[in-house]
Protein backbone atom coordinates (compact mmCIF):
# COMPACT_ATOMS: atom_id res chain seq x y z
CA MET A 1 -12.78 -193.99 -39.73
CA LYS A 2 -11.58 -190.44 -40.37
CA THR A 3 -14.27 -187.82 -39.87
CA THR A 4 -14.42 -184.32 -41.30
CA ASN A 5 -15.55 -181.29 -39.31
CA THR A 6 -18.63 -179.90 -41.08
CA ASN A 7 -18.69 -176.65 -39.10
CA PRO A 8 -16.64 -174.20 -41.24
CA LYS A 9 -16.31 -171.61 -38.48
CA LEU A 10 -15.13 -174.17 -35.93
CA ALA A 11 -12.76 -175.78 -38.42
CA ARG A 12 -11.28 -172.38 -39.29
CA ARG A 13 -10.81 -171.51 -35.63
CA GLN A 14 -9.08 -174.83 -34.96
CA ALA A 15 -6.77 -174.31 -37.92
CA LEU A 16 -5.90 -170.77 -36.87
CA THR A 17 -5.29 -171.89 -33.29
CA ALA A 18 -2.87 -174.56 -34.49
CA LEU A 19 -1.17 -172.04 -36.77
CA SER A 20 -0.84 -169.36 -34.10
CA ALA A 21 0.51 -171.89 -31.61
CA THR A 22 3.18 -173.25 -33.89
CA VAL A 23 4.25 -170.75 -36.59
CA LEU A 24 8.02 -171.02 -36.41
CA MET A 25 7.81 -171.49 -32.67
CA PHE A 26 10.63 -172.49 -30.38
CA CYS A 27 10.98 -176.26 -30.23
CA GLY A 28 10.56 -178.21 -27.04
CA ILE A 29 6.96 -177.10 -26.43
CA SER A 30 4.75 -179.91 -25.26
CA GLY A 31 1.97 -181.02 -27.55
CA ASN A 32 -0.40 -180.20 -24.70
CA VAL A 33 0.12 -176.51 -25.43
CA TYR A 34 -1.43 -176.92 -28.87
CA ALA A 35 -4.40 -178.80 -27.47
CA GLN A 36 -5.38 -176.27 -24.82
CA SER A 37 -8.85 -175.00 -25.67
CA ASP A 38 -8.23 -171.64 -23.96
CA TYR A 39 -5.20 -170.76 -26.09
CA PRO A 40 -4.50 -167.94 -26.40
CA SER A 41 -5.53 -166.71 -22.95
CA LYS A 42 -3.29 -163.63 -23.10
CA PRO A 43 -1.66 -161.44 -25.78
CA VAL A 44 0.75 -163.22 -28.14
CA LYS A 45 3.93 -161.57 -29.38
CA LEU A 46 4.82 -162.07 -33.03
CA VAL A 47 8.46 -161.15 -33.58
CA VAL A 48 9.32 -159.82 -37.05
CA PRO A 49 13.13 -159.91 -37.32
CA TYR A 50 13.24 -157.03 -39.80
CA ALA A 51 12.56 -153.29 -39.84
CA PRO A 52 9.01 -151.96 -40.38
CA GLY A 53 7.83 -151.54 -43.94
CA GLY A 54 9.38 -154.62 -45.52
CA ALA A 55 7.53 -157.57 -47.01
CA THR A 56 7.90 -159.83 -43.96
CA ASP A 57 6.67 -157.02 -41.71
CA VAL A 58 3.61 -156.41 -43.89
CA ILE A 59 2.72 -160.11 -44.05
CA GLY A 60 3.25 -160.40 -40.30
CA ARG A 61 0.92 -157.51 -39.55
CA VAL A 62 -1.80 -158.87 -41.83
CA LEU A 63 -1.48 -162.28 -40.18
CA ALA A 64 -1.49 -160.76 -36.67
CA LYS A 65 -4.65 -158.77 -37.43
CA HIS A 66 -6.41 -161.84 -38.80
CA LEU A 67 -5.42 -164.03 -35.86
CA SER A 68 -6.47 -161.32 -33.38
CA ASP A 69 -9.89 -161.02 -34.99
CA GLU A 70 -10.48 -164.76 -35.24
CA LEU A 71 -9.11 -165.88 -31.87
CA GLY A 72 -10.25 -162.94 -29.74
CA GLN A 73 -6.82 -162.17 -28.33
CA GLN A 74 -4.18 -159.63 -29.32
CA PHE A 75 -1.31 -160.74 -31.55
CA ILE A 76 1.23 -157.95 -31.21
CA VAL A 77 3.93 -157.44 -33.83
CA GLU A 78 7.36 -156.56 -32.46
CA ASN A 79 10.11 -155.58 -34.90
CA ARG A 80 13.59 -156.78 -33.93
CA ALA A 81 15.78 -155.88 -36.88
CA GLY A 82 19.45 -156.66 -37.21
CA ALA A 83 21.98 -159.25 -38.41
CA GLY A 84 19.87 -160.18 -41.43
CA GLY A 85 17.05 -161.46 -39.24
CA SER A 86 19.21 -163.46 -36.84
CA LEU A 87 18.83 -160.96 -34.00
CA GLY A 88 15.07 -161.38 -33.78
CA ALA A 89 15.23 -165.11 -34.40
CA GLY A 90 17.76 -165.49 -31.61
CA GLN A 91 15.50 -163.54 -29.25
CA VAL A 92 12.65 -165.97 -29.86
CA THR A 93 14.82 -168.97 -28.99
CA LYS A 94 15.50 -167.36 -25.59
CA SER A 95 11.83 -166.71 -24.86
CA PRO A 96 9.71 -169.03 -22.66
CA ALA A 97 8.51 -172.05 -24.59
CA ASP A 98 4.87 -171.38 -23.79
CA GLY A 99 3.41 -170.56 -27.20
CA TYR A 100 3.16 -166.83 -26.58
CA THR A 101 6.24 -165.73 -28.53
CA LEU A 102 6.15 -166.54 -32.23
CA LEU A 103 8.57 -165.76 -35.03
CA MET A 104 7.68 -164.43 -38.45
CA GLY A 105 10.71 -166.06 -39.99
CA ALA A 106 12.05 -165.99 -43.52
CA PHE A 107 14.76 -167.67 -45.53
CA THR A 108 17.19 -164.95 -44.48
CA SER A 109 16.74 -165.35 -40.74
CA HIS A 110 16.95 -169.10 -41.00
CA THR A 111 18.47 -171.01 -43.88
CA ILE A 112 20.74 -168.36 -45.43
CA ASN A 113 22.27 -167.07 -42.20
CA ALA A 114 22.65 -170.57 -40.80
CA ALA A 115 24.53 -171.61 -43.96
CA LEU A 116 26.66 -168.50 -44.48
CA MET A 117 27.37 -167.47 -40.88
CA PRO A 118 26.89 -170.49 -38.60
CA ALA A 119 29.47 -169.27 -36.08
CA VAL A 120 27.53 -166.09 -35.30
CA THR A 121 23.97 -167.32 -35.82
CA PRO A 122 22.35 -167.52 -32.35
CA PHE A 123 20.29 -170.64 -33.00
CA ASP A 124 20.48 -174.16 -34.40
CA ILE A 125 18.55 -174.25 -37.66
CA GLN A 126 17.76 -177.95 -37.15
CA LYS A 127 16.69 -177.82 -33.50
CA SER A 128 15.62 -174.34 -32.43
CA PHE A 129 12.35 -173.99 -34.34
CA ALA A 130 9.38 -176.03 -35.43
CA HIS A 131 8.01 -174.87 -38.78
CA ILE A 132 4.27 -175.26 -39.27
CA SER A 133 3.21 -173.33 -42.35
CA LEU A 134 4.22 -171.11 -45.22
CA VAL A 135 2.20 -167.91 -44.85
CA GLY A 136 3.42 -165.91 -47.84
CA THR A 137 5.83 -165.63 -50.75
CA VAL A 138 7.50 -162.46 -51.98
CA PRO A 139 9.18 -162.00 -55.40
CA LEU A 140 12.38 -160.00 -55.75
CA VAL A 141 11.92 -156.84 -57.81
CA PHE A 142 14.74 -154.73 -59.23
CA VAL A 143 13.96 -150.99 -59.06
CA VAL A 144 16.05 -147.85 -59.56
CA ASN A 145 15.76 -144.24 -58.52
CA PRO A 146 14.07 -142.17 -61.27
CA SER A 147 17.29 -140.16 -61.59
CA ILE A 148 19.13 -143.23 -62.94
CA PRO A 149 19.08 -143.17 -66.77
CA SER A 150 18.04 -146.83 -67.15
CA ASN A 151 14.69 -148.29 -68.16
CA SER A 152 15.66 -151.96 -68.22
CA VAL A 153 18.10 -154.38 -66.65
CA LYS A 154 20.09 -154.37 -69.89
CA GLU A 155 20.48 -150.58 -69.77
CA LEU A 156 21.41 -150.71 -66.08
CA VAL A 157 24.09 -153.32 -66.75
CA GLU A 158 25.48 -151.21 -69.59
CA LEU A 159 25.58 -148.17 -67.27
CA ALA A 160 27.34 -150.16 -64.56
CA LYS A 161 29.94 -151.38 -67.05
CA ALA A 162 30.50 -147.83 -68.27
CA LYS A 163 30.98 -146.58 -64.69
CA PRO A 164 32.61 -149.37 -62.66
CA GLY A 165 32.07 -148.93 -58.92
CA ALA A 166 29.93 -145.82 -59.35
CA LEU A 167 26.53 -147.42 -58.77
CA THR A 168 25.32 -148.43 -55.31
CA VAL A 169 22.70 -151.12 -54.69
CA ALA A 170 20.69 -151.23 -51.46
CA SER A 171 19.56 -154.49 -49.89
CA ALA A 172 17.77 -155.71 -46.76
CA GLY A 173 21.13 -156.64 -45.23
CA ASN A 174 24.20 -158.81 -45.61
CA GLY A 175 23.21 -162.31 -46.64
CA SER A 176 19.67 -161.28 -47.54
CA PRO A 177 18.04 -162.66 -50.72
CA GLN A 178 18.45 -159.21 -52.27
CA HIS A 179 22.17 -159.22 -51.48
CA LEU A 180 22.67 -162.70 -52.91
CA ALA A 181 20.69 -161.79 -56.03
CA LEU A 182 22.95 -158.76 -56.52
CA GLU A 183 26.09 -160.88 -56.17
CA MET A 184 24.70 -163.36 -58.70
CA LEU A 185 23.96 -160.52 -61.12
CA LYS A 186 27.50 -159.17 -60.68
CA LEU A 187 28.98 -162.59 -61.42
CA GLN A 188 26.79 -163.20 -64.46
CA THR A 189 27.26 -159.75 -66.02
CA LYS A 190 30.76 -158.98 -64.72
CA ILE A 191 29.75 -155.57 -63.40
CA ASP A 192 31.17 -153.69 -60.43
CA ALA A 193 28.49 -152.22 -58.13
CA VAL A 194 28.73 -151.28 -54.45
CA HIS A 195 26.48 -153.19 -52.06
CA VAL A 196 24.89 -151.07 -49.29
CA PRO A 197 23.18 -153.19 -46.59
CA TYR A 198 20.28 -151.87 -44.51
CA LYS A 199 18.26 -153.35 -41.64
CA GLY A 200 15.37 -154.26 -43.89
CA SER A 201 13.67 -153.63 -47.24
CA GLY A 202 11.74 -150.64 -45.85
CA PRO A 203 14.83 -148.56 -44.91
CA ALA A 204 16.56 -149.64 -48.13
CA ILE A 205 13.70 -148.35 -50.28
CA GLU A 206 13.33 -145.12 -48.31
CA THR A 207 16.95 -144.11 -48.83
CA SER A 208 17.30 -145.24 -52.44
C-alpha cells in the first residue's frame, strides 16, 4: 500500500533535497547520493551558464536562496557565461559527480545548442545530464529603446523596411531563443535587421 507523508515540513524538505540533488545534474551519480540523509553536508555550487541579470540568473538566485534557507546549507550561484550557455554546461559535465555542482540549464544551453552546433557543444544532450524538474518559464518580450519611433511591432516592421540594415537587435547570444525569434520575424516579415549577440539578456538590455 502506498502511504502519504502527513508532515508538510518533512515532505517539503524531502522534495527540496531531491530537487537540489538532481536539478540538471551530471549523469552517472549513484542513487545512493540522493538517499543520503546528510545531503548537503557542504556548500553546493549552482552554475548559471549566462551573465548576471538575465532571467535564468534571477530564477537561479531565487532557487538558491530558497534551497539554502530550507536545507541549512549554502547554495552558491556561479555565473559562467559564454557560447550560448554551452560553456557553463560543459563545465558542469567535467565536475565531480557528487551532487555538489548543479546546473541551472535552459533550452539554449541544452537543446538548441546541441541541435544547431553539435560539433562544438561540449556535452552529449542525451547522456550528460539528468533532468529532474522545470523550475521556471520565461516569455520572450520585444522591447525597443525609447529613441526608436515605434510603438508597436507593426510600426517597427515598417521602420525596418524603410531602413534596411539600419536597425540592430540585441539577443542573449547566437542560437539563443531571442536570436531564433528574431530570425523567424525576419523571415515572416522580410525585413533586414542586424543581429548583435551578447553573453546574456542582462548585458543585451543594458546596452540597448
